[in-house]
């Protein structure tokens, strides 16, 4: 996939959430989402803050290096959430406008970046395409939180392909972050997309995950339990993976229990 196509996918996914937020009454921005302690405003502010920091590192702004040192020297484990909540305190219309502007700035910065040169981050550095994929995944996941809060079904769209890829690539990370050895056994993943199918792993693998890309994305971003989506895991490695899957960086966290988040889906 070309950088331009990936950026278009990111903006399409952001635009879907934007369309919901644009018509949302200001007082509803304070509604609690299924993610404990996070309001709708917090969700948007988190996306916006991460966009702004991504712009800093993509443009080699010295402010990013200073931020990394500040985070490393600090004692707070929730630095990102704290900074996002400061942004979330703004009036809804200001936050929405700033998020839109930040998205444009990020798109411009990543379009101008050398696609072969890795960009510094809080964890391992990544190429521009990887950063875009990560932003698509986060936007999809946090967008689902907002859709769920408002009782809306989140449609299956093109972004699912990107979320599925990062979900598959983080299989080993999901095990290691939970203090487990990454399995040597291969896993076959077969997922249905709105316009076809996406597959990972050797066709002969005994361990398999099959079903909808929507369901897979919801499980690996810890927005749904395996039992609540159109997804089947066969084999001990697949079953264990789907119980601890985590497509996003950070310490291990636990997804919802069966039946806890089973509304607002569109597989």
Protein backbone atom coordinates (compact mmCIF):
# COMPACT_ATOMS: atom_id res chain seq x y z
CA UNK A 1 0.00 0.00 0.00
CA UNK A 2 1.22 3.49 -0.84
CA UNK A 3 1.65 6.12 1.89
CA UNK A 4 -1.01 8.27 0.22
CA UNK A 5 -3.51 5.41 0.24
CA UNK A 6 -2.80 4.66 3.91
CA UNK A 7 -3.26 8.32 4.83
CA UNK A 8 -6.53 8.38 2.93
CA UNK A 9 -7.65 5.33 4.90
CA UNK A 10 -6.71 7.07 8.16
CA UNK A 11 -8.69 10.15 7.22
CA UNK A 12 -11.67 8.08 6.15
CA UNK A 13 -11.68 6.34 9.53
CA UNK A 14 -11.24 9.66 11.35
CA UNK A 15 -13.95 11.22 9.20
CA UNK A 16 -16.43 8.52 10.20
CA UNK A 17 -15.92 9.42 13.85
CA UNK A 18 -15.88 13.14 13.04
CA UNK A 19 -19.31 12.88 11.40
CA UNK A 20 -20.76 11.49 14.63
CA UNK A 21 -19.06 14.09 16.81
CA UNK A 22 -20.02 17.02 14.59
CA UNK A 23 -23.72 16.51 15.39
CA UNK A 24 -23.22 15.62 19.04
CA UNK A 25 -24.66 17.93 21.68
CA UNK A 26 -21.81 19.50 23.71
CA UNK A 27 -23.10 18.07 26.98
CA UNK A 28 -22.83 14.53 25.59
CA UNK A 29 -19.06 14.85 25.23
CA UNK A 30 -18.86 14.20 28.96
CA UNK A 31 -20.68 10.85 28.71
CA UNK A 32 -18.64 7.95 30.12
CA UNK A 33 -17.52 5.42 27.52
CA UNK A 34 -17.08 1.66 28.07
CA UNK A 35 -13.39 2.31 28.80
CA UNK A 36 -13.42 3.00 32.57
CA UNK A 37 -12.65 6.60 33.45
CA UNK A 38 -12.79 7.82 29.84
CA UNK A 39 -15.45 10.20 28.54
CA UNK A 40 -16.10 10.85 24.86
CA UNK A 41 -14.01 14.01 25.18
CA UNK A 42 -11.17 11.98 26.71
CA UNK A 43 -11.26 9.57 23.77
CA UNK A 44 -10.98 12.38 21.22
CA UNK A 45 -8.35 14.20 23.25
CA UNK A 46 -6.25 11.04 23.41
CA UNK A 47 -6.34 10.75 19.62
CA UNK A 48 -5.53 14.44 19.26
CA UNK A 49 -2.63 14.42 21.72
CA UNK A 50 -1.08 11.40 20.03
CA UNK A 51 -1.48 13.06 16.63
CA UNK A 52 0.32 16.17 17.88
CA UNK A 53 3.20 14.17 19.36
CA UNK A 54 3.42 12.15 16.15
CA UNK A 55 3.78 15.40 14.22
CA UNK A 56 6.62 16.44 16.52
CA UNK A 57 8.62 13.26 15.95
CA UNK A 58 7.81 13.04 12.22
CA UNK A 59 9.12 16.58 11.71
CA UNK A 60 12.10 16.00 14.04
CA UNK A 61 10.95 18.72 16.37
CA UNK A 62 13.33 18.90 19.40
CA UNK A 63 10.23 19.10 21.56
CA UNK A 64 9.68 15.39 21.06
CA UNK A 65 13.11 14.44 22.38
CA UNK A 66 12.47 16.65 25.39
CA UNK A 67 9.12 14.96 25.93
CA UNK A 68 10.66 11.49 25.83
CA UNK A 69 13.19 12.51 28.48
CA UNK A 70 10.43 14.01 30.59
CA UNK A 71 8.41 10.82 30.41
CA UNK A 72 11.46 8.68 31.18
CA UNK A 73 12.34 10.80 34.21
CA UNK A 74 8.81 10.98 35.57
CA UNK A 75 7.13 8.71 38.05
CA UNK A 76 3.70 8.78 36.44
CA UNK A 77 2.63 5.66 34.53
CA UNK A 78 -0.38 7.43 33.05
CA UNK A 79 1.40 10.44 31.56
CA UNK A 80 -0.37 10.16 28.21
CA UNK A 81 -3.81 9.92 29.79
CA UNK A 82 -3.05 12.88 32.05
CA UNK A 83 -1.99 15.06 29.14
CA UNK A 84 -5.01 14.00 27.09
CA UNK A 85 -7.41 14.89 29.89
CA UNK A 86 -5.96 18.40 30.01
CA UNK A 87 -6.91 18.78 26.36
CA UNK A 88 -10.31 17.20 26.99
CA UNK A 89 -11.17 19.99 29.41
CA UNK A 90 -11.65 22.41 26.51
CA UNK A 91 -15.11 23.19 25.10
CA UNK A 92 -16.28 20.49 22.70
CA UNK A 93 -16.22 22.74 19.64
CA UNK A 94 -12.63 23.78 20.37
CA UNK A 95 -11.46 20.21 20.87
CA UNK A 96 -13.16 19.08 17.65
CA UNK A 97 -11.60 21.93 15.65
CA UNK A 98 -8.15 21.26 17.11
CA UNK A 99 -8.42 17.53 16.41
CA UNK A 100 -9.29 18.27 12.80
CA UNK A 101 -6.33 20.62 12.46
CA UNK A 102 -4.00 18.11 14.11
CA UNK A 103 -5.08 15.39 11.70
CA UNK A 104 -4.23 17.61 8.74
CA UNK A 105 -0.84 18.45 10.20
CA UNK A 106 -0.07 14.79 10.82
CA UNK A 107 -1.08 13.80 7.31
CA UNK A 108 1.15 16.50 5.84
CA UNK A 109 4.08 15.50 8.06
CA UNK A 110 3.89 11.79 7.24
CA UNK A 111 3.36 12.44 3.54
CA UNK A 112 6.57 14.47 3.52
CA UNK A 113 8.60 11.96 5.55
CA UNK A 114 11.09 9.58 3.97
CA UNK A 115 9.15 6.29 3.77
CA UNK A 116 12.34 4.30 4.38
CA UNK A 117 13.54 6.28 7.40
CA UNK A 118 12.37 5.21 10.83
CA UNK A 119 10.66 7.74 13.06
CA UNK A 120 11.53 7.91 16.75
CA UNK A 121 8.83 6.98 19.26
CA UNK A 122 8.46 6.19 22.97
CA UNK A 123 9.08 2.55 22.10
CA UNK A 124 11.00 1.19 19.10
CA UNK A 125 11.28 3.60 16.14
CA UNK A 126 8.97 2.92 13.21
CA UNK A 127 8.65 3.76 9.54
CA UNK A 128 5.96 6.23 8.44
CA UNK A 129 3.72 3.44 7.13
CA UNK A 130 3.83 1.67 10.49
CA UNK A 131 2.95 4.90 12.28
CA UNK A 132 -0.01 5.44 9.96
CA UNK A 133 -1.20 1.89 10.57
CA UNK A 134 -0.95 2.44 14.31
CA UNK A 135 -2.97 5.65 14.03
CA UNK A 136 -5.63 3.82 12.00
CA UNK A 137 -5.84 1.11 14.64
CA UNK A 138 -6.14 3.58 17.52
CA UNK A 139 -8.71 5.67 15.69
CA UNK A 140 -10.78 2.57 14.95
CA UNK A 141 -10.63 1.38 18.57
CA UNK A 142 -11.36 4.70 20.24
CA UNK A 143 -14.00 5.41 17.64
CA UNK A 144 -15.72 2.15 18.56
CA UNK A 145 -15.77 3.30 22.18
CA UNK A 146 -17.65 6.42 21.09
CA UNK A 147 -20.03 4.49 18.84
CA UNK A 148 -20.79 2.07 21.68
CA UNK A 149 -21.44 4.93 24.08
CA UNK A 150 -24.00 6.42 21.73
CA UNK A 151 -25.58 3.07 20.87
CA UNK A 152 -24.49 3.27 17.25
CA UNK A 153 -23.38 0.37 15.06
CA UNK A 154 -19.87 0.92 13.75
CA UNK A 155 -19.82 -0.09 10.08
CA UNK A 156 -17.24 -2.45 8.65
CA UNK A 157 -14.94 -0.35 6.47
CA UNK A 158 -11.55 -0.30 4.71
CA UNK A 159 -9.64 0.41 7.94
CA UNK A 160 -10.29 -3.16 9.07
CA UNK A 161 -7.53 -4.43 6.78
CA UNK A 162 -4.97 -2.23 8.53
CA UNK A 163 -6.23 -3.10 12.00
CA UNK A 164 -6.14 -6.80 11.13
CA UNK A 165 -2.53 -6.56 9.95
CA UNK A 166 -1.30 -4.90 13.12
CA UNK A 167 -3.38 -7.31 15.18
CA UNK A 168 -1.66 -10.28 13.55
CA UNK A 169 1.81 -8.75 13.80
CA UNK A 170 1.45 -8.17 17.54
CA UNK A 171 0.71 -11.82 18.35
CA UNK A 172 4.16 -12.39 19.82
CA UNK A 173 4.00 -9.12 21.74
CA UNK A 174 0.69 -10.16 23.30
CA UNK A 175 2.33 -13.25 24.80
CA UNK A 176 5.61 -11.66 25.85
CA UNK A 177 3.94 -8.67 27.50
CA UNK A 178 1.97 -11.12 29.64
CA UNK A 179 5.17 -12.86 30.76
CA UNK A 180 4.72 -15.79 28.38
CA UNK A 181 7.02 -17.20 25.73
CA UNK A 182 5.97 -16.37 22.20
CA UNK A 183 4.70 -19.66 20.70
CA UNK A 184 6.69 -21.22 17.90
CA UNK A 185 3.58 -22.67 16.32
CA UNK A 186 2.22 -20.80 13.34
CA UNK A 187 -1.33 -19.46 13.27
CA UNK A 188 -3.52 -19.22 10.19
CA UNK A 189 -5.82 -16.18 10.20
CA UNK A 190 -8.64 -15.95 7.64
CA UNK A 191 -10.90 -12.90 7.86
CA UNK A 192 -13.75 -11.59 5.77
CA UNK A 193 -13.66 -7.93 4.72
CA UNK A 194 -16.44 -5.86 3.14
CA UNK A 195 -14.77 -6.29 -0.25
CA UNK A 196 -13.10 -9.67 0.07
CA UNK A 197 -10.83 -11.55 2.45
CA UNK A 198 -7.49 -11.09 4.19
CA UNK A 199 -5.23 -13.95 5.26
CA UNK A 200 -2.12 -14.39 7.39
CA UNK A 201 0.02 -17.41 8.19
CA UNK A 202 0.53 -20.74 6.40
CA UNK A 203 -2.59 -22.46 5.09
CA UNK A 204 -1.59 -25.76 6.71
CA UNK A 205 -1.27 -24.34 10.27
CA UNK A 206 -3.24 -26.34 12.85
CA UNK A 207 -3.98 -23.25 14.93
CA UNK A 208 -6.54 -21.06 13.18
CA UNK A 209 -8.58 -17.89 13.68
CA UNK A 210 -11.45 -17.41 11.24
CA UNK A 211 -14.38 -15.05 10.93
CA UNK A 212 -15.02 -11.38 10.31
CA UNK A 213 -12.28 -8.77 10.21
CA UNK A 214 -14.59 -6.58 12.31
CA UNK A 215 -14.68 -9.20 15.05
CA UNK A 216 -10.92 -9.76 14.89
CA UNK A 217 -10.26 -6.02 15.12
CA UNK A 218 -12.59 -5.73 18.11
CA UNK A 219 -10.86 -8.58 19.95
CA UNK A 220 -7.25 -7.53 19.31
CA UNK A 221 -8.03 -3.96 20.39
CA UNK A 222 -9.76 -5.38 23.48
CA UNK A 223 -13.16 -3.88 22.66
CA UNK A 224 -14.99 -7.22 22.46
CA UNK A 225 -14.72 -10.70 23.92
CA UNK A 226 -14.22 -13.56 21.48
CA UNK A 227 -17.63 -15.01 22.41
CA UNK A 228 -19.41 -11.82 21.34
CA UNK A 229 -18.18 -11.53 17.75
CA UNK A 230 -18.19 -13.55 14.54
CA UNK A 231 -14.81 -15.13 15.18
CA UNK A 232 -13.63 -18.67 15.92
CA UNK A 233 -10.30 -19.74 17.42
CA UNK A 234 -9.18 -23.34 16.90
CA UNK A 235 -6.12 -24.80 18.62
CA UNK A 236 -4.47 -24.02 21.98
CA UNK A 237 -2.23 -21.24 20.66
CA UNK A 238 -5.09 -19.47 18.88
CA UNK A 239 -7.37 -19.79 21.88
CA UNK A 240 -4.76 -18.39 24.26
CA UNK A 241 -3.85 -15.60 21.85
CA UNK A 242 -7.44 -14.45 21.51
CA UNK A 243 -7.73 -14.34 25.31
CA UNK A 244 -4.75 -11.96 25.69
CA UNK A 245 -4.50 -10.26 22.27
CA UNK A 246 -3.34 -6.65 22.44
CA UNK A 247 -2.64 -4.70 19.26
CA UNK A 248 -1.64 -1.50 21.07
CA UNK A 249 1.58 -0.72 22.93
CA UNK A 250 1.93 -0.49 26.68
CA UNK A 251 1.64 -2.84 29.63
CA UNK A 252 -0.77 -5.78 29.33
CA UNK A 253 -4.41 -4.98 29.89
CA UNK A 254 -7.51 -7.11 29.98
CA UNK A 255 -10.37 -6.86 27.53
CA UNK A 256 -14.08 -7.11 28.37
CA UNK A 257 -15.70 -10.25 29.71
CA UNK A 258 -18.17 -12.21 27.59
CA UNK A 259 -21.39 -10.24 27.22
CA UNK A 260 -19.90 -7.06 28.65
CA UNK A 261 -19.66 -5.23 25.33
CA UNK A 262 -21.91 -6.96 22.83
CA UNK A 263 -23.89 -4.06 21.40
CA UNK A 264 -23.36 -1.63 18.55
CA UNK A 265 -21.57 -4.07 16.26
CA UNK A 266 -21.75 -4.47 12.55
CA UNK A 267 -19.74 -7.44 11.37
